[in-house]
C-alpha atoms as a PDB file:
ATOM      1  CA  VAL A   1     105.007  29.364   3.609  1.00  0.00           C
ATOM      2  CA  GLY A   2     105.380  25.764   4.393  1.00  0.00           C
ATOM      3  CA  VAL A   3     101.597  24.452   4.559  1.00  0.00           C
ATOM      4  CA  PRO A   4      99.551  21.599   4.091  1.00  0.00           C
ATOM      5  CA  SER A   5      97.892  21.970   0.181  1.00  0.00           C
ATOM      6  CA  GLN A   6      94.380  22.139   1.830  1.00  0.00           C
ATOM      7  CA  MET A   7      95.183  25.013   3.011  1.00  0.00           C
ATOM      8  CA  LEU A   8      95.946  26.349  -0.008  1.00  0.00           C
ATOM      9  CA  CYS A   9      92.540  25.108  -1.894  1.00  0.00           C
ATOM     10  CA  PHE A  10      90.449  27.901  -0.619  1.00  0.00           C
ATOM     11  CA  ASP A  11      86.756  28.790  -1.872  1.00  0.00           C
ATOM     12  CA  GLU A  12      86.914  30.369  -5.046  1.00  0.00           C
ATOM     13  CA  ASP A  13      84.830  33.360  -3.379  1.00  0.00           C
ATOM     14  CA  LYS A  14      86.526  33.642  -0.379  1.00  0.00           C
ATOM     15  CA  ARG A  15      90.113  34.097  -1.960  1.00  0.00           C
ATOM     16  CA  LEU A  16      91.904  37.565  -3.228  1.00  0.00           C
ATOM     17  CA  ASP A  17      91.428  37.984  -7.133  1.00  0.00           C
ATOM     18  CA  THR A  18      95.630  38.053  -7.274  1.00  0.00           C
ATOM     19  CA  PRO A  19      97.816  36.959  -4.972  1.00  0.00           C
ATOM     20  CA  PRO A  20      99.680  39.541  -3.111  1.00  0.00           C
ATOM     21  CA  LYS A  21     103.060  40.525  -4.650  1.00  0.00           C
ATOM     22  CA  TYR A  22     104.898  40.357  -1.934  1.00  0.00           C
ATOM     23  CA  ILE A  23     105.096  36.511  -1.422  1.00  0.00           C
ATOM     24  CA  LYS A  24     108.542  35.376  -2.672  1.00  0.00           C
ATOM     25  CA  SER A  25     107.450  31.850  -2.130  1.00  0.00           C
ATOM     26  CA  VAL A  26     104.839  28.859  -1.562  1.00  0.00           C
ATOM     27  CA  SER A  27     105.545  25.444  -0.697  1.00  0.00           C
ATOM     28  CA  VAL A  28     104.436  22.838   0.585  1.00  0.00           C
ATOM     29  CA  GLY A  29     104.980  19.803   2.976  1.00  0.00           C
ATOM     30  CA  GLY A  30     103.491  17.618   5.387  1.00  0.00           C
ATOM     31  CA  THR A  31     101.505  15.262   3.301  1.00  0.00           C
ATOM     32  CA  LYS A  32     101.371  14.468  -0.682  1.00  0.00           C
ATOM     33  CA  MET A  33      99.803  17.068  -2.569  1.00  0.00           C
ATOM     34  CA  LEU A  34      96.963  15.987  -5.291  1.00  0.00           C
ATOM     35  CA  LEU A  35      97.737  16.817  -9.048  1.00  0.00           C
ATOM     36  CA  SER A  36      94.615  18.793  -8.913  1.00  0.00           C
ATOM     37  CA  HIS A  37      95.287  20.997  -5.888  1.00  0.00           C
ATOM     38  CA  GLU A  38      98.885  21.403  -7.315  1.00  0.00           C
ATOM     39  CA  ARG A  39      97.620  22.500 -10.572  1.00  0.00           C
ATOM     40  CA  LYS A  40      94.117  24.461  -9.185  1.00  0.00           C
ATOM     41  CA  ILE A  41      97.192  26.360  -7.121  1.00  0.00           C
ATOM     42  CA  ASN A  42      99.400  27.096  -9.561  1.00  0.00           C
ATOM     43  CA  ALA A  43      96.441  28.366 -11.756  1.00  0.00           C
ATOM     44  CA  HIS A  44      96.542  31.283  -9.202  1.00  0.00           C
ATOM     45  CA  LEU A  45     100.362  31.742  -8.212  1.00  0.00           C
ATOM     46  CA  GLU A  46     100.733  32.350 -11.642  1.00  0.00           C
ATOM     47  CA  LYS A  47      99.316  35.579 -11.450  1.00  0.00           C
ATOM     48  CA  ILE A  48     102.849  36.593  -9.915  1.00  0.00           C
ATOM     49  CA  GLY A  49     105.025  34.813 -11.469  1.00  0.00           C
ATOM     50  CA  LEU A  50     105.376  31.970  -8.975  1.00  0.00           C
ATOM     51  CA  LYS A  51     104.664  28.320  -8.593  1.00  0.00           C
ATOM     52  CA  VAL A  52     104.154  25.621  -5.360  1.00  0.00           C
ATOM     53  CA  THR A  53     106.926  23.921  -4.904  1.00  0.00           C
ATOM     54  CA  GLN A  54     106.654  20.595  -2.865  1.00  0.00           C
ATOM     55  CA  GLY A  55     109.199  19.530   0.172  1.00  0.00           C
ATOM     56  CA  TYR A  56     109.723  16.265   1.297  1.00  0.00           C
ATOM     57  CA  SER A  57     111.101  15.082   4.992  1.00  0.00           C
ATOM     58  CA  LEU A  58     110.667  13.435   8.535  1.00  0.00           C
ATOM     59  CA  SER A  59     110.944  14.372  12.145  1.00  0.00           C
ATOM     60  CA  GLU A  60     113.655  11.999  11.982  1.00  0.00           C
ATOM     61  CA  LEU A  61     115.421  13.275   9.717  1.00  0.00           C
ATOM     62  CA  THR A  62     116.023  17.126   8.948  1.00  0.00           C
ATOM     63  CA  PRO A  63     113.822  19.686   8.484  1.00  0.00           C
ATOM     64  CA  ALA A  64     114.316  19.070   4.797  1.00  0.00           C
ATOM     65  CA  SER A  65     115.352  16.026   3.108  1.00  0.00           C
ATOM     66  CA  TYR A  66     113.931  17.189  -0.160  1.00  0.00           C
ATOM     67  CA  THR A  67     112.962  19.640  -2.405  1.00  0.00           C
ATOM     68  CA  ASN A  68     112.063  21.794  -5.216  1.00  0.00           C
ATOM     69  CA  MET A  69     114.140  24.719  -6.693  1.00  0.00           C
ATOM     70  CA  PRO A  70     112.146  27.669  -8.365  1.00  0.00           C
ATOM     71  CA  GLY A  71     112.680  27.963 -12.219  1.00  0.00           C
ATOM     72  CA  PHE A  72     113.137  23.212 -11.366  1.00  0.00           C
ATOM     73  CA  ILE A  73     110.030  22.361 -10.449  1.00  0.00           C
ATOM     74  CA  LYS A  74     108.680  19.068 -11.851  1.00  0.00           C
ATOM     75  CA  GLU A  75     104.682  18.519 -11.299  1.00  0.00           C
ATOM     76  CA  GLN A  76     103.967  16.453  -8.470  1.00  0.00           C
ATOM     77  CA  SER A  77     107.661  15.472  -7.357  1.00  0.00           C
ATOM     78  CA  VAL A  78     109.052  16.052  -4.339  1.00  0.00           C
ATOM     79  CA  GLY A  79     112.095  17.805  -5.872  1.00  0.00           C
ATOM     80  CA  LYS A  80     116.164  16.533  -5.501  1.00  0.00           C
ATOM     81  CA  ALA A  81     118.091  15.439  -2.358  1.00  0.00           C
ATOM     82  CA  ILE A  82     119.010  18.210  -0.111  1.00  0.00           C
ATOM     83  CA  GLY A  83     122.909  18.453   0.562  1.00  0.00           C
ATOM     84  CA  ASP A  84     124.499  15.650   2.146  1.00  0.00           C
ATOM     85  CA  THR A  85     121.101  13.491   1.747  1.00  0.00           C
ATOM     86  CA  LYS A  86     121.108   9.618   0.248  1.00  0.00           C
ATOM     87  CA  GLY A  87     118.027   8.067  -1.227  1.00  0.00           C
ATOM     88  CA  LEU A  88     117.476   4.414  -1.691  1.00  0.00           C
ATOM     89  CA  ILE A  89     114.629   2.652  -3.259  1.00  0.00           C
ATOM     90  CA  LEU A  90     113.844  -1.051  -1.916  1.00  0.00           C
ATOM     91  CA  ASP A  91     111.584  -3.607  -2.788  1.00  0.00           C
ATOM     92  CA  LYS A  92     109.307  -4.204  -0.025  1.00  0.00           C
ATOM     93  CA  ASP A  93     109.554  -8.241  -0.670  1.00  0.00           C
ATOM     94  CA  THR A  94     112.869  -8.867  -1.586  1.00  0.00           C
ATOM     95  CA  GLU A  95     115.145  -5.481  -0.128  1.00  0.00           C
ATOM     96  CA  GLU A  96     116.837  -5.202  -3.736  1.00  0.00           C
ATOM     97  CA  ILE A  97     118.052  -1.705  -4.723  1.00  0.00           C
ATOM     98  CA  LEU A  98     116.106  -0.903  -7.506  1.00  0.00           C
ATOM     99  CA  GLY A  99     116.438   1.931 -10.202  1.00  0.00           C
ATOM    100  CA  PRO A 100     114.895   4.939 -11.791  1.00  0.00           C
ATOM    101  CA  ASN A 101     111.049   4.625 -11.950  1.00  0.00           C
ATOM    102  CA  LYS A 102     110.109   1.375  -9.656  1.00  0.00           C
ATOM    103  CA  ILE A 103     108.302   1.942  -6.776  1.00  0.00           C
ATOM    104  CA  GLY A 104     109.861   0.295  -3.547  1.00  0.00           C
ATOM    105  CA  LEU A 105     110.119   1.916   0.498  1.00  0.00           C
ATOM    106  CA  LEU A 106     112.569   5.143   0.881  1.00  0.00           C
ATOM    107  CA  TYR A 107     115.088   4.845   2.964  1.00  0.00           C
ATOM    108  CA  VAL A 108     117.212   8.264   3.884  1.00  0.00           C
ATOM    109  CA  ASN A 109     120.518   8.736   5.408  1.00  0.00           C
ATOM    110  CA  SER A 110     121.362  12.579   6.216  1.00  0.00           C
ATOM    111  CA  GLU A 111     124.067  13.957   8.772  1.00  0.00           C
ATOM    112  CA  THR A 112     120.765  15.579  10.786  1.00  0.00           C
ATOM    113  CA  GLN A 113     118.840  12.069  10.852  1.00  0.00           C
ATOM    114  CA  PHE A 114     118.732  10.475  14.801  1.00  0.00           C
ATOM    115  CA  ASP A 115     120.032   8.375  17.004  1.00  0.00           C
ATOM    116  CA  GLY A 116     116.632   6.380  17.529  1.00  0.00           C
ATOM    117  CA  TYR A 117     113.277   6.867  19.850  1.00  0.00           C
ATOM    118  CA  TYR A 118     113.901   7.724  23.841  1.00  0.00           C
ATOM    119  CA  LYS A 119     114.115   4.616  26.270  1.00  0.00           C
ATOM    120  CA  ASN A 120     112.104   2.916  23.023  1.00  0.00           C
ATOM    121  CA  GLU A 121     114.718   0.177  22.143  1.00  0.00           C
ATOM    122  CA  GLU A 122     112.505  -1.630  19.246  1.00  0.00           C
ATOM    123  CA  ALA A 123     110.714   1.194  17.659  1.00  0.00           C
ATOM    124  CA  SER A 124     114.442   2.241  16.682  1.00  0.00           C
ATOM    125  CA  LYS A 125     115.200  -0.713  15.759  1.00  0.00           C
ATOM    126  CA  ASP A 126     112.138  -0.982  13.433  1.00  0.00           C
ATOM    127  CA  MET A 127     113.273   2.613  12.028  1.00  0.00           C
ATOM    128  CA  PHE A 128     117.589   1.723  10.098  1.00  0.00           C
ATOM    129  CA  LYS A 129     119.046  -0.563   7.784  1.00  0.00           C
ATOM    130  CA  THR A 130     122.273  -0.972   7.268  1.00  0.00           C
ATOM    131  CA  ILE A 131     123.612  -0.522   3.744  1.00  0.00           C
ATOM    132  CA  ASP A 132     126.923  -0.505   2.603  1.00  0.00           C
ATOM    133  CA  ASN A 133     127.877   0.736   5.879  1.00  0.00           C
ATOM    134  CA  ILE A 134     125.880   3.555   5.643  1.00  0.00           C
ATOM    135  CA  LYS A 135     122.992   3.451   8.094  1.00  0.00           C
ATOM    136  CA  TYR A 136     119.873   4.632   6.619  1.00  0.00           C
ATOM    137  CA  VAL A 137     116.383   5.508   7.854  1.00  0.00           C
ATOM    138  CA  ASN A 138     113.103   3.662   6.786  1.00  0.00           C
ATOM    139  CA  THR A 139     110.479   6.385   6.466  1.00  0.00           C
ATOM    140  CA  GLY A 140     107.381   4.039   6.033  1.00  0.00           C
ATOM    141  CA  ASP A 141     107.091   5.952   2.298  1.00  0.00           C
ATOM    142  CA  TYR A 142     106.907   3.951  -1.162  1.00  0.00           C
ATOM    143  CA  ALA A 143     108.806   6.053  -3.587  1.00  0.00           C
ATOM    144  CA  TYR A 144     110.064   5.983  -6.667  1.00  0.00           C
ATOM    145  CA  TYR A 145     112.652   8.485  -8.514  1.00  0.00           C
ATOM    146  CA  ASP A 146     113.262   9.497 -12.462  1.00  0.00           C
ATOM    147  CA  GLU A 147     116.429   9.662 -14.649  1.00  0.00           C
ATOM    148  CA  ASP A 148     116.555  13.426 -13.226  1.00  0.00           C
ATOM    149  CA  GLY A 149     116.914  12.378  -9.896  1.00  0.00           C
ATOM    150  CA  TYR A 150     113.430  13.392  -8.776  1.00  0.00           C
ATOM    151  CA  TYR A 151     111.784  12.164  -6.396  1.00  0.00           C
ATOM    152  CA  PHE A 152     107.956  11.264  -6.069  1.00  0.00           C
ATOM    153  CA  ILE A 153     106.118   9.872  -3.200  1.00  0.00           C
ATOM    154  CA  ALA A 154     103.360   7.368  -4.136  1.00  0.00           C
ATOM    155  CA  ASP A 155     102.231   6.837  -0.298  1.00  0.00           C
ATOM    156  CA  ARG A 156     102.235   5.656   3.521  1.00  0.00           C
ATOM    157  CA  ALA A 157     102.958   1.917   3.309  1.00  0.00           C
ATOM    158  CA  LYS A 158     100.682   2.455   6.651  1.00  0.00           C
ATOM    159  CA  GLU A 159      97.982   3.252   4.173  1.00  0.00           C
ATOM    160  CA  MET A 160      98.119   0.767   1.783  1.00  0.00           C
ATOM    161  CA  ILE A 161      95.048  -1.521   1.850  1.00  0.00           C
ATOM    162  CA  ILE A 162      95.872  -5.144   0.791  1.00  0.00           C
ATOM    163  CA  ARG A 163      92.463  -6.682  -0.539  1.00  0.00           C
ATOM    164  CA  PRO A 164      91.555 -10.024   0.771  1.00  0.00           C
ATOM    165  CA  ASP A 165      93.391 -11.510  -2.710  1.00  0.00           C
ATOM    166  CA  GLY A 166      96.932  -9.776  -0.883  1.00  0.00           C
ATOM    167  CA  HIS A 167      96.536  -7.729  -4.050  1.00  0.00           C
ATOM    168  CA  ASN A 168      98.290  -4.264  -3.253  1.00  0.00           C
ATOM    169  CA  VAL A 169      96.390  -0.670  -3.138  1.00  0.00           C
ATOM    170  CA  PHE A 170      97.643   2.959  -3.637  1.00  0.00           C
ATOM    171  CA  PRO A 171      94.407   5.232  -2.410  1.00  0.00           C
ATOM    172  CA  SER A 172      96.414   8.138  -3.850  1.00  0.00           C
ATOM    173  CA  GLU A 173      96.137   6.730  -7.121  1.00  0.00           C
ATOM    174  CA  ILE A 174      92.349   6.555  -6.153  1.00  0.00           C
ATOM    175  CA  GLU A 175      92.023  10.048  -4.453  1.00  0.00           C
ATOM    176  CA  GLU A 176      93.676  11.809  -7.309  1.00  0.00           C
ATOM    177  CA  LEU A 177      91.402  10.428 -10.218  1.00  0.00           C
ATOM    178  CA  ILE A 178      88.671  11.686  -8.476  1.00  0.00           C
ATOM    179  CA  SER A 179      89.274  14.910  -7.515  1.00  0.00           C
ATOM    180  CA  THR A 180      89.491  15.285 -11.051  1.00  0.00           C
ATOM    181  CA  HIS A 181      85.973  15.244 -11.334  1.00  0.00           C
ATOM    182  CA  TYR A 182      84.549  18.537 -11.696  1.00  0.00           C
ATOM    183  CA  ALA A 183      82.418  17.954  -8.242  1.00  0.00           C
ATOM    184  CA  VAL A 184      84.701  16.804  -6.233  1.00  0.00           C
ATOM    185  CA  LYS A 185      86.213  19.450  -3.510  1.00  0.00           C
ATOM    186  CA  ASP A 186      88.194  16.490  -1.541  1.00  0.00           C
ATOM    187  CA  CYS A 187      88.634  13.360  -1.532  1.00  0.00           C
ATOM    188  CA  ALA A 188      90.594  10.462   0.864  1.00  0.00           C
ATOM    189  CA  VAL A 189      90.579   7.024   0.706  1.00  0.00           C
ATOM    190  CA  VAL A 190      90.706   4.207   3.518  1.00  0.00           C
ATOM    191  CA  GLY A 191      89.978   0.701   3.382  1.00  0.00           C
ATOM    192  CA  VAL A 192      87.411  -1.178   5.287  1.00  0.00           C
ATOM    193  CA  PRO A 193      86.690  -4.925   5.373  1.00  0.00           C
ATOM    194  CA  TYR A 194      84.065  -6.551   3.455  1.00  0.00           C
ATOM    195  CA  PRO A 195      80.421  -5.844   5.273  1.00  0.00           C
ATOM    196  CA  ASN A 196      79.227  -9.265   4.779  1.00  0.00           C
ATOM    197  CA  TYR A 197      82.523 -10.937   6.174  1.00  0.00           C
ATOM    198  CA  GLU A 198      82.407 -12.188  10.352  1.00  0.00           C
ATOM    199  CA  GLU A 199      85.946 -12.151  10.368  1.00  0.00           C
ATOM    200  CA  PRO A 200      87.354 -10.544   6.883  1.00  0.00           C
ATOM    201  CA  GLN A 201      91.308 -10.833   5.586  1.00  0.00           C
ATOM    202  CA  GLY A 202      92.135  -7.917   3.777  1.00  0.00           C
ATOM    203  CA  GLU A 203      90.242  -4.583   2.920  1.00  0.00           C
ATOM    204  CA  TYR A 204      88.180  -2.637  -0.013  1.00  0.00           C
ATOM    205  CA  PRO A 205      88.785   0.850  -1.335  1.00  0.00           C
ATOM    206  CA  LYS A 206      86.435   3.071   0.260  1.00  0.00           C
ATOM    207  CA  ALA A 207      86.329   6.605  -0.834  1.00  0.00           C
ATOM    208  CA  HIS A 208      84.923   9.116   1.655  1.00  0.00           C
ATOM    209  CA  VAL A 209      84.316  12.416  -0.893  1.00  0.00           C
ATOM    210  CA  VAL A 210      83.149  15.971  -0.175  1.00  0.00           C
ATOM    211  CA  LEU A 211      81.807  17.671  -2.893  1.00  0.00           C
ATOM    212  CA  ASP A 212      81.325  21.537  -4.630  1.00  0.00           C
ATOM    213  CA  ASP A 213      78.633  22.924  -2.718  1.00  0.00           C
ATOM    214  CA  LEU A 214      76.892  22.737  -5.995  1.00  0.00           C
ATOM    215  CA  TYR A 215      76.440  19.713  -6.367  1.00  0.00           C
ATOM    216  CA  LYS A 216      75.562  18.261  -2.531  1.00  0.00           C
ATOM    217  CA  ASN A 217      72.344  16.852  -3.411  1.00  0.00           C
ATOM    218  CA  LYS A 218      73.312  15.152  -6.655  1.00  0.00           C
ATOM    219  CA  THR A 219      74.956  11.817  -5.275  1.00  0.00           C
ATOM    220  CA  GLU A 220      73.414   9.213  -6.545  1.00  0.00           C
ATOM    221  CA  GLN A 221      74.215  11.183 -10.091  1.00  0.00           C
ATOM    222  CA  ILE A 222      77.886  12.084  -8.986  1.00  0.00           C
ATOM    223  CA  GLU A 223      79.032   8.658  -7.878  1.00  0.00           C
ATOM    224  CA  PHE A 224      77.609   6.549 -11.150  1.00  0.00           C
ATOM    225  CA  GLU A 225      79.907   9.152 -12.537  1.00  0.00           C
ATOM    226  CA  LEU A 226      83.456   8.091 -10.363  1.00  0.00           C
ATOM    227  CA  ARG A 227      82.064   4.697 -10.498  1.00  0.00           C
ATOM    228  CA  LYS A 228      82.434   4.597 -14.119  1.00  0.00           C
ATOM    229  CA  LEU A 229      85.329   7.274 -13.999  1.00  0.00           C
ATOM    230  CA  CYS A 230      87.112   4.693 -11.265  1.00  0.00           C
ATOM    231  CA  ASN A 231      86.090   1.762 -13.318  1.00  0.00           C
ATOM    232  CA  GLU A 232      87.895   3.017 -17.147  1.00  0.00           C
ATOM    233  CA  ASN A 233      90.875   4.824 -15.830  1.00  0.00           C
ATOM    234  CA  LEU A 234      92.070   2.292 -13.007  1.00  0.00           C
ATOM    235  CA  PRO A 235      92.765  -1.877 -13.545  1.00  0.00           C
ATOM    236  CA  GLU A 236      89.828  -3.568 -11.868  1.00  0.00           C
ATOM    237  CA  ARG A 237      91.770  -4.518  -8.821  1.00  0.00           C
ATOM    238  CA  ASP A 238      92.223  -0.716  -7.771  1.00  0.00           C
ATOM    239  CA  VAL A 239      88.928   1.002  -7.707  1.00  0.00           C
ATOM    240  CA  ALA A 240      86.662   2.420  -5.210  1.00  0.00           C
ATOM    241  CA  TYR A 241      84.311  -0.411  -3.710  1.00  0.00           C
ATOM    242  CA  PHE A 242      82.591   1.975  -1.528  1.00  0.00           C
ATOM    243  CA  TYR A 243      81.580   5.582  -1.361  1.00  0.00           C
ATOM    244  CA  LYS A 244      80.914   8.130   0.967  1.00  0.00           C
ATOM    245  CA  PHE A 245      79.819  11.562   0.739  1.00  0.00           C
ATOM    246  CA  ASP A 246      79.938  13.815   4.026  1.00  0.00           C
ATOM    247  CA  ASP A 247      80.020  17.559   4.511  1.00  0.00           C
ATOM    248  CA  GLN A 248      84.296  18.135   5.545  1.00  0.00           C
ATOM    249  CA  LEU A 249      87.206  15.621   6.014  1.00  0.00           C
ATOM    250  CA  PRO A 250      88.413  15.510   9.439  1.00  0.00           C
ATOM    251  CA  LEU A 251      92.203  16.852   9.961  1.00  0.00           C
ATOM    252  CA  THR A 252      94.767  16.377  12.321  1.00  0.00           C
ATOM    253  CA  PRO A 253      95.969  19.561  14.343  1.00  0.00           C
ATOM    254  CA  VAL A 254      98.581  20.169  11.596  1.00  0.00           C
ATOM    255  CA  LEU A 255      95.715  20.305   9.144  1.00  0.00           C
ATOM    256  CA  LYS A 256      96.599  16.550   7.094  1.00  0.00           C
ATOM    257  CA  VAL A 257      93.121  14.399   6.008  1.00  0.00           C
ATOM    258  CA  ASP A 258      92.604  12.299   9.510  1.00  0.00           C
ATOM    259  CA  LYS A 259      92.864   9.016   8.032  1.00  0.00           C
ATOM    260  CA  ILE A 260      92.740   7.358  11.418  1.00  0.00           C
ATOM    261  CA  LYS A 261      89.593   9.528  12.411  1.00  0.00           C
ATOM    262  CA  LEU A 262      87.674   8.367   9.055  1.00  0.00           C
ATOM    263  CA  ARG A 263      88.584   4.747   9.574  1.00  0.00           C
ATOM    264  CA  GLU A 264      87.213   5.161  13.119  1.00  0.00           C
ATOM    265  CA  MET A 265      84.104   6.914  11.799  1.00  0.00           C
ATOM    266  CA  ASP A 266      83.600   3.684   9.535  1.00  0.00           C
ATOM    267  CA  LYS A 267      83.554   1.369  11.822  1.00  0.00           C
ATOM    268  CA  GLU A 268      80.955   3.183  13.497  1.00  0.00           C
ATOM    269  CA  ASP A 269      79.054   2.944  10.732  1.00  0.00           C
ATOM    270  CA  ALA A 270      79.686  -1.003  10.100  1.00  0.00           C
ATOM    271  CA  THR A 271      78.687  -1.365  13.925  1.00  0.00           C
ATOM    272  CA  LYS A 272      75.109   0.712  13.690  1.00  0.00           C
ATOM    273  CA  THR A 273      75.156  -1.497  10.193  1.00  0.00           C
ATOM    274  CA  LYS A 274      75.438  -4.993  12.049  1.00  0.00           C
ATOM    275  CA  LYS A 275      72.908  -3.848  15.218  1.00  0.00           C
ATOM    276  CA  LEU A 276      70.237  -2.368  12.404  1.00  0.00           C
ATOM    277  CA  ILE A 277      71.094  -5.731  10.656  1.00  0.00           C
ATOM    278  CA  LYS A 278      69.970  -8.357  13.531  1.00  0.00           C
ATOM    279  CA  LYS A 279      67.529  -6.532  14.089  1.00  0.00           C
END
């Protein structure tokens, strides 16, 4: 079963006490799985002796480029390279090849990778980089690997939030931390311009938070606690500046959190706010 983790983190009162024993493995792909989701899923699956396995790939590569194997699973890792897959981590500015535990852009080569986009040479050029006569695909993801060859996805490059001072913020780091709070059911972080700027340069992190039903009438208290949690555990420039409590997060047709839709919603809210201020 390959599904986004949001599908597996269903409400406690809607799931079976024990997963069916005919399930032999559960794997997740499509988007990075939050640590809180992974632990919640594993707490349920351990009743039948299983753990959820994460994998990673792109449509431009193959159905699976990296995966964990049962019995050899590292928490938060998408696993090791499969078959002939080769991966490189490059510094985003210097394009230097990075060693273990250093975050950079992930480039992947595989015999099954695509040749390019149909009738779109310009987009195709941006997807490839040749290093030592090997043609790599630009995944558009920030990642790193450890000394054992396990890969970890940090975030999507296009979802990186660049503050007005040029500092880069990984939304997933904020999402991970906020999701550890007892009242939080789900969370997604996107970048938004500061409201007072007419022509803003850069963005600040905004957290969209879904609370468990028991706490939906305590948003002021929860926001205070979340701000305190982030201020105590993240660098000053990496915290969420704004919070919005939603009943649910918009999802794409393949059930990933739709951050494009969230940005559109935030733009609509900002437009309404400006109109009220002018009145």
